[in-house]
N, C-alpha and C. Protein backbone atom coordinates (compact mmCIF):
# COMPACT_ATOMS: atom_id res chain seq x y z
N MET A 1 219.46 140.41 -15.67
CA MET A 1 219.29 139.06 -16.22
C MET A 1 220.59 138.60 -16.87
N LYS A 2 220.73 137.30 -16.88
CA LYS A 2 221.85 136.69 -17.59
C LYS A 2 221.42 135.37 -18.17
N THR A 3 221.84 135.11 -19.37
CA THR A 3 221.49 133.88 -20.06
C THR A 3 222.66 132.91 -20.24
N TYR A 4 222.44 131.71 -19.91
CA TYR A 4 223.45 130.64 -20.00
C TYR A 4 223.03 129.72 -21.16
N THR A 5 223.95 129.48 -22.04
CA THR A 5 223.65 128.65 -23.25
C THR A 5 224.69 127.60 -23.46
N LEU A 6 224.27 126.41 -23.87
CA LEU A 6 225.21 125.36 -24.21
C LEU A 6 224.66 124.56 -25.38
N ASN A 7 225.60 123.89 -26.05
CA ASN A 7 225.22 122.97 -27.17
C ASN A 7 225.29 121.53 -26.68
N HIS A 8 224.13 120.97 -26.48
CA HIS A 8 224.08 119.57 -25.99
C HIS A 8 224.11 118.61 -27.19
N SER A 9 224.87 117.54 -27.00
CA SER A 9 225.08 116.56 -28.08
C SER A 9 223.78 115.89 -28.50
N GLU A 10 222.81 115.77 -27.58
CA GLU A 10 221.56 115.09 -27.87
C GLU A 10 220.36 116.04 -27.99
N LYS A 11 220.33 117.00 -27.10
CA LYS A 11 219.18 117.91 -26.99
C LYS A 11 219.37 119.23 -27.79
N GLY A 12 220.52 119.42 -28.37
CA GLY A 12 220.75 120.64 -29.16
C GLY A 12 221.08 121.82 -28.24
N VAL A 13 220.65 122.97 -28.66
CA VAL A 13 220.92 124.20 -27.91
C VAL A 13 219.98 124.31 -26.65
N ILE A 14 220.61 124.42 -25.49
CA ILE A 14 219.84 124.59 -24.26
C ILE A 14 220.20 125.92 -23.63
N SER A 15 219.23 126.68 -23.22
CA SER A 15 219.52 127.97 -22.62
C SER A 15 218.68 128.17 -21.39
N TYR A 16 219.20 128.96 -20.48
CA TYR A 16 218.48 129.33 -19.24
C TYR A 16 218.77 130.80 -18.95
N THR A 17 217.73 131.55 -18.68
CA THR A 17 217.84 132.96 -18.31
C THR A 17 217.40 133.13 -16.88
N ASP A 18 218.33 133.60 -16.05
CA ASP A 18 218.03 133.92 -14.64
C ASP A 18 217.41 135.31 -14.54
N ARG A 19 216.11 135.37 -14.57
CA ARG A 19 215.44 136.65 -14.54
C ARG A 19 215.50 137.36 -13.23
N ARG A 20 215.81 136.63 -12.20
CA ARG A 20 215.94 137.19 -10.88
C ARG A 20 217.37 137.27 -10.37
N ARG A 21 218.26 137.31 -11.29
CA ARG A 21 219.68 137.30 -10.90
C ARG A 21 220.05 138.31 -9.81
N TYR A 22 219.63 139.52 -9.94
CA TYR A 22 220.03 140.56 -9.05
C TYR A 22 219.11 140.64 -7.80
N LEU A 23 218.02 139.87 -7.81
CA LEU A 23 217.17 139.79 -6.60
C LEU A 23 217.79 138.84 -5.63
N TRP A 24 218.73 138.02 -6.05
CA TRP A 24 219.34 137.07 -5.11
C TRP A 24 220.15 137.82 -4.08
N VAL A 25 220.44 139.09 -4.33
CA VAL A 25 221.14 139.92 -3.31
C VAL A 25 220.36 139.97 -2.03
N SER A 26 219.05 139.82 -2.15
CA SER A 26 218.18 139.90 -0.94
C SER A 26 218.49 138.74 0.02
N SER A 27 219.15 137.69 -0.44
CA SER A 27 219.53 136.62 0.45
C SER A 27 220.53 137.05 1.50
N ILE A 28 221.25 138.15 1.22
CA ILE A 28 222.18 138.74 2.18
C ILE A 28 221.42 139.58 3.21
N PHE A 29 220.45 140.32 2.75
CA PHE A 29 219.76 141.27 3.64
C PHE A 29 218.61 140.64 4.50
N CYS A 30 218.02 139.61 3.99
CA CYS A 30 216.90 138.97 4.70
C CYS A 30 217.33 138.48 6.10
N PRO A 31 218.47 137.85 6.23
CA PRO A 31 218.89 137.44 7.60
C PRO A 31 219.14 138.62 8.56
N LEU A 32 219.33 139.81 7.94
CA LEU A 32 219.63 141.01 8.77
C LEU A 32 218.37 141.74 9.24
N ILE A 33 217.19 141.26 8.86
CA ILE A 33 215.94 141.92 9.22
C ILE A 33 215.84 142.19 10.73
N PRO A 34 216.23 141.20 11.59
CA PRO A 34 216.10 141.47 13.04
C PRO A 34 216.94 142.67 13.51
N LEU A 35 218.03 142.97 12.78
CA LEU A 35 218.88 144.09 13.21
C LEU A 35 218.14 145.40 13.12
N LEU A 36 217.30 145.57 12.14
CA LEU A 36 216.54 146.78 11.99
C LEU A 36 215.68 147.00 13.21
N PHE A 37 215.04 145.95 13.70
CA PHE A 37 214.11 146.09 14.82
C PHE A 37 214.83 146.17 16.18
N VAL A 38 216.07 145.60 16.22
CA VAL A 38 216.89 145.84 17.36
C VAL A 38 217.25 147.31 17.48
N TYR A 39 217.58 147.91 16.34
CA TYR A 39 217.88 149.37 16.33
C TYR A 39 216.66 150.17 16.79
N LEU A 40 215.51 149.84 16.24
CA LEU A 40 214.25 150.58 16.57
C LEU A 40 213.93 150.41 18.07
N PHE A 41 214.21 149.24 18.60
CA PHE A 41 213.99 148.93 20.02
C PHE A 41 214.88 149.83 20.92
N LEU A 42 216.17 149.91 20.49
CA LEU A 42 217.12 150.73 21.23
C LEU A 42 216.75 152.19 21.20
N GLN A 43 216.11 152.60 20.14
CA GLN A 43 215.73 154.03 19.99
C GLN A 43 214.48 154.34 20.79
N SER A 44 213.53 153.39 20.83
CA SER A 44 212.22 153.61 21.44
C SER A 44 212.07 153.07 22.86
N GLY A 45 212.78 151.96 23.16
CA GLY A 45 212.64 151.32 24.45
C GLY A 45 211.43 150.38 24.50
N ASN A 46 210.67 150.25 23.44
CA ASN A 46 209.50 149.39 23.40
C ASN A 46 209.93 148.01 22.93
N GLU A 47 209.93 147.05 23.86
CA GLU A 47 210.43 145.72 23.57
C GLU A 47 209.56 144.90 22.59
N LEU A 48 208.30 145.33 22.46
CA LEU A 48 207.39 144.66 21.54
C LEU A 48 207.92 144.72 20.09
N ILE A 49 208.67 145.75 19.83
CA ILE A 49 209.23 145.93 18.49
C ILE A 49 210.14 144.76 18.10
N LEU A 50 210.76 144.13 19.10
CA LEU A 50 211.68 143.01 18.83
C LEU A 50 210.91 141.80 18.27
N ALA A 51 209.61 141.75 18.48
CA ALA A 51 208.83 140.59 18.03
C ALA A 51 208.37 140.72 16.56
N ILE A 52 208.58 141.90 15.98
CA ILE A 52 208.11 142.09 14.62
C ILE A 52 208.73 141.13 13.60
N PRO A 53 210.06 140.82 13.74
CA PRO A 53 210.63 139.79 12.80
C PRO A 53 209.87 138.48 12.76
N LEU A 54 209.23 138.10 13.93
CA LEU A 54 208.48 136.86 13.91
C LEU A 54 207.24 136.99 13.05
N LEU A 55 206.60 138.15 13.10
CA LEU A 55 205.46 138.39 12.22
C LEU A 55 205.84 138.42 10.80
N ILE A 56 207.00 138.99 10.51
CA ILE A 56 207.51 138.97 9.12
C ILE A 56 207.75 137.55 8.58
N GLY A 57 208.44 136.78 9.47
CA GLY A 57 208.82 135.45 9.06
C GLY A 57 207.68 134.46 9.00
N TYR A 58 206.68 134.59 9.88
CA TYR A 58 205.65 133.58 10.00
C TYR A 58 204.31 134.02 9.45
N VAL A 59 204.17 135.31 9.09
CA VAL A 59 202.94 135.87 8.56
C VAL A 59 203.18 136.45 7.19
N LEU A 60 204.06 137.46 7.10
CA LEU A 60 204.27 138.23 5.90
C LEU A 60 204.86 137.34 4.76
N PHE A 61 205.97 136.68 5.10
CA PHE A 61 206.61 135.86 4.07
C PHE A 61 205.76 134.74 3.57
N PRO A 62 205.03 133.98 4.42
CA PRO A 62 204.14 132.93 3.89
C PRO A 62 203.02 133.52 3.05
N LEU A 63 202.53 134.68 3.40
CA LEU A 63 201.48 135.36 2.62
C LEU A 63 202.01 135.74 1.24
N LEU A 64 203.22 136.32 1.20
CA LEU A 64 203.84 136.65 -0.06
C LEU A 64 204.08 135.43 -0.93
N ASP A 65 204.54 134.35 -0.25
CA ASP A 65 204.78 133.10 -0.96
C ASP A 65 203.52 132.57 -1.65
N TRP A 66 202.35 132.71 -0.88
CA TRP A 66 201.11 132.26 -1.44
C TRP A 66 200.63 133.14 -2.56
N LEU A 67 200.81 134.43 -2.46
CA LEU A 67 200.38 135.40 -3.47
C LEU A 67 201.18 135.28 -4.74
N ILE A 68 202.52 135.16 -4.59
CA ILE A 68 203.43 135.13 -5.73
C ILE A 68 203.35 133.76 -6.44
N GLY A 69 203.20 132.68 -5.71
CA GLY A 69 203.12 131.36 -6.25
C GLY A 69 204.53 130.74 -6.53
N SER A 70 204.46 129.59 -7.15
CA SER A 70 205.66 128.83 -7.42
C SER A 70 206.44 129.48 -8.52
N ASP A 71 207.79 129.36 -8.39
CA ASP A 71 208.69 129.90 -9.41
C ASP A 71 209.02 128.77 -10.37
N THR A 72 208.58 128.90 -11.63
CA THR A 72 208.81 127.84 -12.59
C THR A 72 210.05 128.12 -13.44
N ASN A 73 210.74 129.24 -13.15
CA ASN A 73 211.92 129.59 -13.90
C ASN A 73 213.15 128.88 -13.32
N ASN A 74 213.21 127.61 -13.50
CA ASN A 74 214.27 126.76 -12.94
C ASN A 74 215.25 126.33 -14.04
N PRO A 75 216.53 126.26 -13.74
CA PRO A 75 217.52 125.79 -14.73
C PRO A 75 217.40 124.30 -14.96
N SER A 76 217.74 123.92 -16.14
CA SER A 76 217.79 122.46 -16.44
C SER A 76 219.04 121.84 -15.85
N GLU A 77 219.01 120.53 -15.71
CA GLU A 77 220.18 119.86 -15.17
C GLU A 77 221.48 120.15 -15.99
N GLU A 78 221.28 120.33 -17.25
CA GLU A 78 222.45 120.54 -18.14
C GLU A 78 223.10 121.91 -17.92
N THR A 79 222.32 122.93 -17.49
CA THR A 79 222.85 124.24 -17.28
C THR A 79 223.34 124.52 -15.87
N VAL A 80 223.00 123.58 -14.96
CA VAL A 80 223.41 123.78 -13.55
C VAL A 80 224.94 123.94 -13.39
N PRO A 81 225.77 123.12 -14.06
CA PRO A 81 227.20 123.32 -13.90
C PRO A 81 227.67 124.69 -14.30
N MET A 82 227.01 125.34 -15.27
CA MET A 82 227.40 126.70 -15.71
C MET A 82 227.10 127.68 -14.57
N LEU A 83 225.99 127.49 -13.88
CA LEU A 83 225.61 128.40 -12.81
C LEU A 83 226.61 128.19 -11.66
N GLU A 84 227.01 126.96 -11.43
CA GLU A 84 227.96 126.70 -10.32
C GLU A 84 229.30 127.36 -10.57
N GLU A 85 229.63 127.58 -11.79
CA GLU A 85 230.93 128.23 -12.12
C GLU A 85 230.85 129.72 -12.11
N ASP A 86 229.64 130.25 -11.96
CA ASP A 86 229.44 131.71 -11.89
C ASP A 86 229.77 132.15 -10.47
N LYS A 87 230.83 132.94 -10.32
CA LYS A 87 231.25 133.37 -9.03
C LYS A 87 230.27 134.28 -8.29
N TYR A 88 229.36 134.87 -8.99
CA TYR A 88 228.38 135.76 -8.43
C TYR A 88 227.58 135.03 -7.37
N TYR A 89 227.07 133.88 -7.67
CA TYR A 89 226.24 133.13 -6.70
C TYR A 89 227.10 132.66 -5.52
N ARG A 90 228.31 132.28 -5.78
CA ARG A 90 229.19 131.82 -4.67
C ARG A 90 229.49 132.91 -3.73
N VAL A 91 229.78 134.09 -4.23
CA VAL A 91 230.13 135.22 -3.39
C VAL A 91 228.97 135.56 -2.45
N LEU A 92 227.74 135.54 -2.99
CA LEU A 92 226.52 135.82 -2.19
C LEU A 92 226.44 134.78 -1.08
N THR A 93 226.72 133.53 -1.33
CA THR A 93 226.63 132.52 -0.31
C THR A 93 227.66 132.74 0.76
N TYR A 94 228.90 133.14 0.34
CA TYR A 94 229.96 133.39 1.34
C TYR A 94 229.58 134.52 2.27
N ILE A 95 229.05 135.59 1.70
CA ILE A 95 228.65 136.76 2.51
C ILE A 95 227.55 136.38 3.49
N THR A 96 226.64 135.55 3.06
CA THR A 96 225.50 135.13 3.94
C THR A 96 226.02 134.46 5.19
N ILE A 97 227.16 133.73 5.11
CA ILE A 97 227.70 133.11 6.31
C ILE A 97 227.95 134.13 7.43
N ALA A 98 228.52 135.23 7.06
CA ALA A 98 228.80 136.30 8.06
C ALA A 98 227.48 136.80 8.68
N MET A 99 226.44 136.90 7.82
CA MET A 99 225.17 137.41 8.31
C MET A 99 224.61 136.55 9.46
N HIS A 100 224.77 135.24 9.33
CA HIS A 100 224.24 134.33 10.35
C HIS A 100 224.94 134.59 11.71
N PHE A 101 226.22 134.82 11.64
CA PHE A 101 226.95 135.10 12.89
C PHE A 101 226.55 136.45 13.50
N ILE A 102 226.36 137.43 12.60
CA ILE A 102 226.02 138.75 13.07
C ILE A 102 224.64 138.69 13.81
N ILE A 103 223.63 138.00 13.31
CA ILE A 103 222.38 137.92 13.94
C ILE A 103 222.44 137.17 15.25
N LEU A 104 223.13 136.04 15.27
CA LEU A 104 223.31 135.28 16.51
C LEU A 104 223.92 136.14 17.63
N LEU A 105 224.99 136.83 17.31
CA LEU A 105 225.72 137.66 18.31
C LEU A 105 224.88 138.84 18.70
N SER A 106 224.10 139.40 17.79
CA SER A 106 223.29 140.54 18.06
C SER A 106 222.18 140.19 19.00
N CYS A 107 221.51 139.09 18.76
CA CYS A 107 220.44 138.58 19.62
C CYS A 107 220.98 138.29 21.05
N ALA A 108 222.15 137.70 21.05
CA ALA A 108 222.76 137.39 22.42
C ALA A 108 223.11 138.67 23.12
N TRP A 109 223.55 139.70 22.39
CA TRP A 109 223.90 140.95 22.98
C TRP A 109 222.69 141.64 23.60
N VAL A 110 221.61 141.63 22.85
CA VAL A 110 220.38 142.28 23.31
C VAL A 110 219.88 141.61 24.60
N VAL A 111 219.83 140.26 24.56
CA VAL A 111 219.35 139.55 25.75
C VAL A 111 220.29 139.79 26.95
N GLY A 112 221.58 139.84 26.66
CA GLY A 112 222.52 139.93 27.74
C GLY A 112 222.72 141.33 28.33
N THR A 113 222.34 142.31 27.58
CA THR A 113 222.60 143.72 28.04
C THR A 113 221.34 144.53 28.29
N GLN A 114 220.21 144.14 27.74
CA GLN A 114 218.98 144.90 27.88
C GLN A 114 218.02 144.26 28.88
N LEU A 115 217.24 145.07 29.51
CA LEU A 115 216.25 144.63 30.49
C LEU A 115 214.98 144.16 29.75
N LEU A 116 214.92 142.89 29.47
CA LEU A 116 213.74 142.29 28.76
C LEU A 116 212.92 141.42 29.65
N SER A 117 211.65 141.33 29.30
CA SER A 117 210.78 140.42 30.03
C SER A 117 211.08 139.00 29.63
N PRO A 118 210.72 138.00 30.47
CA PRO A 118 210.97 136.58 30.11
C PRO A 118 210.37 136.20 28.78
N THR A 119 209.18 136.74 28.48
CA THR A 119 208.49 136.45 27.19
C THR A 119 209.36 136.97 26.02
N MET A 120 209.92 138.17 26.14
CA MET A 120 210.68 138.69 25.05
C MET A 120 212.05 138.00 24.89
N ILE A 121 212.61 137.49 26.01
CA ILE A 121 213.81 136.69 25.89
C ILE A 121 213.52 135.44 25.11
N PHE A 122 212.39 134.87 25.38
CA PHE A 122 211.96 133.65 24.63
C PHE A 122 211.77 134.01 23.14
N VAL A 123 211.17 135.16 22.83
CA VAL A 123 211.04 135.58 21.46
C VAL A 123 212.39 135.74 20.78
N MET A 124 213.31 136.34 21.46
CA MET A 124 214.64 136.56 20.83
C MET A 124 215.30 135.20 20.62
N ALA A 125 215.08 134.22 21.49
CA ALA A 125 215.61 132.88 21.29
C ALA A 125 215.05 132.24 20.02
N ILE A 126 213.73 132.45 19.77
CA ILE A 126 213.13 131.88 18.59
C ILE A 126 213.70 132.56 17.38
N ILE A 127 213.87 133.91 17.41
CA ILE A 127 214.40 134.63 16.24
C ILE A 127 215.87 134.15 15.94
N ALA A 128 216.68 134.05 16.99
CA ALA A 128 218.03 133.60 16.79
C ALA A 128 218.06 132.16 16.27
N GLY A 129 217.20 131.33 16.86
CA GLY A 129 217.15 129.93 16.43
C GLY A 129 216.67 129.77 14.98
N GLY A 130 215.66 130.59 14.61
CA GLY A 130 215.18 130.53 13.24
C GLY A 130 216.25 130.91 12.22
N ASP A 131 216.97 131.95 12.56
CA ASP A 131 218.04 132.33 11.62
C ASP A 131 219.19 131.30 11.58
N SER A 132 219.45 130.71 12.76
CA SER A 132 220.45 129.66 12.79
C SER A 132 220.02 128.46 11.95
N GLY A 133 218.72 128.22 11.97
CA GLY A 133 218.22 127.10 11.14
C GLY A 133 218.42 127.33 9.66
N VAL A 134 218.31 128.60 9.26
CA VAL A 134 218.64 128.92 7.86
C VAL A 134 220.11 128.66 7.57
N GLY A 135 220.93 128.78 8.59
CA GLY A 135 222.35 128.48 8.46
C GLY A 135 222.59 127.05 8.11
N ILE A 136 221.69 126.14 8.55
CA ILE A 136 221.81 124.70 8.19
C ILE A 136 221.60 124.58 6.67
N ASN A 137 220.67 125.32 6.13
CA ASN A 137 220.44 125.28 4.65
C ASN A 137 221.67 125.78 3.93
N THR A 138 222.29 126.85 4.43
CA THR A 138 223.51 127.36 3.80
C THR A 138 224.62 126.31 3.85
N GLY A 139 224.76 125.69 5.05
CA GLY A 139 225.77 124.67 5.15
C GLY A 139 225.48 123.44 4.28
N HIS A 140 224.22 123.15 4.09
CA HIS A 140 223.86 122.03 3.25
C HIS A 140 224.28 122.25 1.80
N GLU A 141 224.08 123.45 1.30
CA GLU A 141 224.47 123.71 -0.06
C GLU A 141 225.95 123.79 -0.23
N LEU A 142 226.64 124.44 0.72
CA LEU A 142 228.11 124.53 0.65
C LEU A 142 228.77 123.15 0.78
N GLY A 143 228.17 122.28 1.61
CA GLY A 143 228.70 120.95 1.85
C GLY A 143 228.70 120.06 0.65
N ARG A 144 227.90 120.36 -0.32
CA ARG A 144 227.79 119.57 -1.58
C ARG A 144 228.85 120.00 -2.60
N LYS A 145 229.57 121.04 -2.31
CA LYS A 145 230.61 121.49 -3.25
C LYS A 145 231.90 120.69 -2.99
N ASP A 146 232.80 120.77 -3.99
CA ASP A 146 234.01 119.95 -3.93
C ASP A 146 235.24 120.66 -3.48
N THR A 147 235.21 122.02 -3.36
CA THR A 147 236.42 122.72 -3.01
C THR A 147 236.68 122.67 -1.50
N LYS A 148 237.96 122.74 -1.15
CA LYS A 148 238.33 122.71 0.29
C LYS A 148 237.80 123.91 1.01
N LEU A 149 237.77 125.09 0.32
CA LEU A 149 237.25 126.32 0.94
C LEU A 149 235.81 126.13 1.36
N GLU A 150 235.02 125.58 0.45
CA GLU A 150 233.58 125.46 0.76
C GLU A 150 233.32 124.37 1.80
N LYS A 151 234.14 123.35 1.81
CA LYS A 151 234.01 122.32 2.83
C LYS A 151 234.31 122.97 4.22
N TRP A 152 235.27 123.81 4.27
CA TRP A 152 235.66 124.50 5.49
C TRP A 152 234.59 125.49 5.89
N LEU A 153 234.05 126.24 4.97
CA LEU A 153 232.98 127.19 5.27
C LEU A 153 231.75 126.50 5.73
N THR A 154 231.47 125.28 5.28
CA THR A 154 230.35 124.49 5.72
C THR A 154 230.42 124.28 7.25
N LYS A 155 231.60 123.90 7.72
CA LYS A 155 231.74 123.67 9.13
C LYS A 155 231.65 124.96 9.95
N ILE A 156 232.09 126.05 9.37
CA ILE A 156 232.00 127.34 10.03
C ILE A 156 230.59 127.76 10.22
N VAL A 157 229.79 127.75 9.17
CA VAL A 157 228.41 128.24 9.24
C VAL A 157 227.57 127.23 10.09
N LEU A 158 227.87 125.96 10.10
CA LEU A 158 227.14 125.01 10.94
C LEU A 158 227.42 125.17 12.43
N ALA A 159 228.44 125.94 12.70
CA ALA A 159 228.72 126.23 14.15
C ALA A 159 227.66 127.16 14.72
N VAL A 160 226.98 127.90 13.88
CA VAL A 160 225.95 128.82 14.35
C VAL A 160 224.82 128.12 15.07
N PRO A 161 224.22 127.06 14.39
CA PRO A 161 223.18 126.26 15.10
C PRO A 161 223.79 125.15 15.96
N ALA A 162 225.10 125.13 16.17
CA ALA A 162 225.79 124.08 16.92
C ALA A 162 225.47 122.72 16.35
N TYR A 163 225.60 122.64 15.02
CA TYR A 163 225.23 121.40 14.30
C TYR A 163 226.31 121.02 13.29
N ALA A 164 227.56 121.18 13.69
CA ALA A 164 228.67 120.93 12.76
C ALA A 164 228.73 119.47 12.27
N HIS A 165 228.17 118.54 13.08
CA HIS A 165 228.20 117.15 12.66
C HIS A 165 227.14 116.87 11.56
N PHE A 166 226.40 117.86 11.13
CA PHE A 166 225.51 117.73 10.01
C PHE A 166 226.32 117.32 8.77
N SER A 167 227.55 117.84 8.70
CA SER A 167 228.38 117.53 7.53
C SER A 167 228.77 116.04 7.52
N ILE A 168 228.70 115.42 8.68
CA ILE A 168 229.00 113.97 8.75
C ILE A 168 227.75 113.18 8.35
N GLU A 169 226.62 113.42 9.05
CA GLU A 169 225.42 112.62 8.80
C GLU A 169 224.86 112.83 7.39
N HIS A 170 224.84 114.09 6.97
CA HIS A 170 224.19 114.33 5.66
C HIS A 170 225.11 114.16 4.46
N ASN A 171 226.22 114.91 4.50
CA ASN A 171 227.09 114.87 3.30
C ASN A 171 227.87 113.56 3.17
N LYS A 172 228.28 113.00 4.35
CA LYS A 172 229.00 111.73 4.31
C LYS A 172 228.16 110.53 4.53
N GLY A 173 226.87 110.75 4.88
CA GLY A 173 225.97 109.66 5.08
C GLY A 173 224.88 109.61 4.03
N TYR A 174 224.00 110.60 4.13
CA TYR A 174 222.80 110.61 3.26
C TYR A 174 223.17 110.62 1.80
N HIS A 175 224.13 111.45 1.41
CA HIS A 175 224.51 111.54 -0.01
C HIS A 175 225.48 110.39 -0.46
N LYS A 176 226.26 109.95 0.46
CA LYS A 176 227.24 108.90 0.09
C LYS A 176 226.62 107.54 0.01
N TYR A 177 225.69 107.27 0.90
CA TYR A 177 225.01 105.93 0.92
C TYR A 177 223.51 106.11 0.63
N PRO A 178 223.14 105.97 -0.59
CA PRO A 178 221.77 106.20 -0.97
C PRO A 178 220.75 105.11 -0.54
N HIS A 179 221.30 104.06 0.08
CA HIS A 179 220.43 102.97 0.54
C HIS A 179 219.36 103.45 1.50
N GLN A 180 218.12 103.12 1.25
CA GLN A 180 217.02 103.66 2.00
C GLN A 180 217.04 103.33 3.48
N ARG A 181 217.55 102.13 3.81
CA ARG A 181 217.63 101.74 5.21
C ARG A 181 218.51 102.70 6.03
N ILE A 182 219.61 103.08 5.39
CA ILE A 182 220.54 104.00 6.07
C ILE A 182 219.94 105.39 6.13
N ARG A 183 219.23 105.80 5.08
CA ARG A 183 218.66 107.16 5.16
C ARG A 183 217.62 107.24 6.22
N ARG A 184 216.80 106.22 6.45
CA ARG A 184 215.80 106.28 7.51
C ARG A 184 216.53 106.32 8.89
N ALA A 185 217.54 105.46 9.03
CA ALA A 185 218.20 105.41 10.32
C ALA A 185 218.96 106.67 10.70
N LEU A 186 219.36 107.43 9.69
CA LEU A 186 220.14 108.65 9.96
C LEU A 186 219.34 109.64 10.79
N GLY A 187 218.00 109.60 10.66
CA GLY A 187 217.15 110.49 11.44
C GLY A 187 217.38 110.23 12.95
N TRP A 188 217.58 109.01 13.31
CA TRP A 188 217.78 108.69 14.72
C TRP A 188 219.24 108.93 15.09
N VAL A 189 220.16 108.69 14.18
CA VAL A 189 221.56 108.91 14.52
C VAL A 189 221.87 110.38 14.81
N ASN A 190 221.14 111.27 14.11
CA ASN A 190 221.39 112.71 14.36
C ASN A 190 221.28 113.11 15.82
N LEU A 191 220.46 112.39 16.57
CA LEU A 191 220.26 112.69 17.99
C LEU A 191 221.38 112.22 18.87
N SER A 192 222.26 111.42 18.34
CA SER A 192 223.31 110.77 19.18
C SER A 192 224.53 111.59 19.25
N GLY A 193 224.67 112.63 18.45
CA GLY A 193 225.89 113.46 18.48
C GLY A 193 226.89 112.99 17.43
N PRO A 194 227.90 113.80 17.22
CA PRO A 194 228.87 113.53 16.13
C PRO A 194 229.67 112.25 16.31
N LEU A 195 230.04 111.90 17.55
CA LEU A 195 230.89 110.72 17.77
C LEU A 195 230.20 109.47 17.41
N LEU A 196 228.97 109.27 17.96
CA LEU A 196 228.23 108.04 17.65
C LEU A 196 227.80 107.99 16.20
N SER A 197 227.51 109.14 15.63
CA SER A 197 227.10 109.21 14.23
C SER A 197 228.20 108.72 13.31
N GLU A 198 229.42 109.23 13.59
CA GLU A 198 230.55 108.82 12.77
C GLU A 198 230.88 107.34 12.89
N LYS A 199 230.79 106.82 14.13
CA LYS A 199 231.00 105.40 14.35
C LYS A 199 229.96 104.57 13.65
N TRP A 200 228.70 105.03 13.68
CA TRP A 200 227.61 104.29 13.01
C TRP A 200 227.84 104.27 11.53
N LEU A 201 228.18 105.40 10.92
CA LEU A 201 228.42 105.47 9.46
C LEU A 201 229.57 104.60 9.07
N GLU A 202 230.62 104.56 9.94
CA GLU A 202 231.77 103.68 9.61
C GLU A 202 231.39 102.25 9.55
N ARG A 203 230.52 101.82 10.51
CA ARG A 203 230.07 100.41 10.47
C ARG A 203 229.22 100.11 9.31
N GLN A 204 228.37 101.06 8.90
CA GLN A 204 227.48 100.87 7.78
C GLN A 204 228.27 100.77 6.50
N SER A 205 229.31 101.61 6.35
CA SER A 205 230.11 101.57 5.14
C SER A 205 230.82 100.27 4.91
N ARG A 206 231.15 99.61 6.06
CA ARG A 206 231.80 98.33 5.95
C ARG A 206 230.85 97.21 5.58
N ASN A 207 229.55 97.45 5.87
CA ASN A 207 228.58 96.41 5.58
C ASN A 207 228.01 96.44 4.17
N LEU A 208 228.29 97.58 3.47
CA LEU A 208 227.70 97.72 2.14
C LEU A 208 228.65 97.15 1.08
């Protein structure tokens, strides 16, 4: 655990204790769950083992989420800047980027080199796609930072789901132009690809 404390001019002493500080390390290992079952598949030859990560992701994790309930131990807005300055959280995020690439390449390797049924190839595509989707969340958080390194890492991790233009629509569109009309339209713009999205945002910025 670690406690962050500050003296606020209006609210007085504000503190936040991250009781799960060292549990955040699991964010590195969770994306690697499919690797365990790839190894077990290679040892046993039973391709059904490759589907277990789907059961973990769509059955076990939701069940645990329901049993554990909501986490009310959230930092206040005032203490958030202190957490952002803590390199511990940033390093975990950086390492997670590599994990997304490892899973994508591992799934591609299994499909490309092992004799799998069409159903299991489809399952591996879902597993790889699901992990790539988590990469969008990683890119979303990194894209909101101000450093050049994190802006660059955003584009790197968004390459995993082939969605690098998310940094254009979301970070340069959704967050930059809070107007509701633009936010609704961005949902359609996402389908047009990075070139049309950038052109559309450029026109909208001139109209505001």
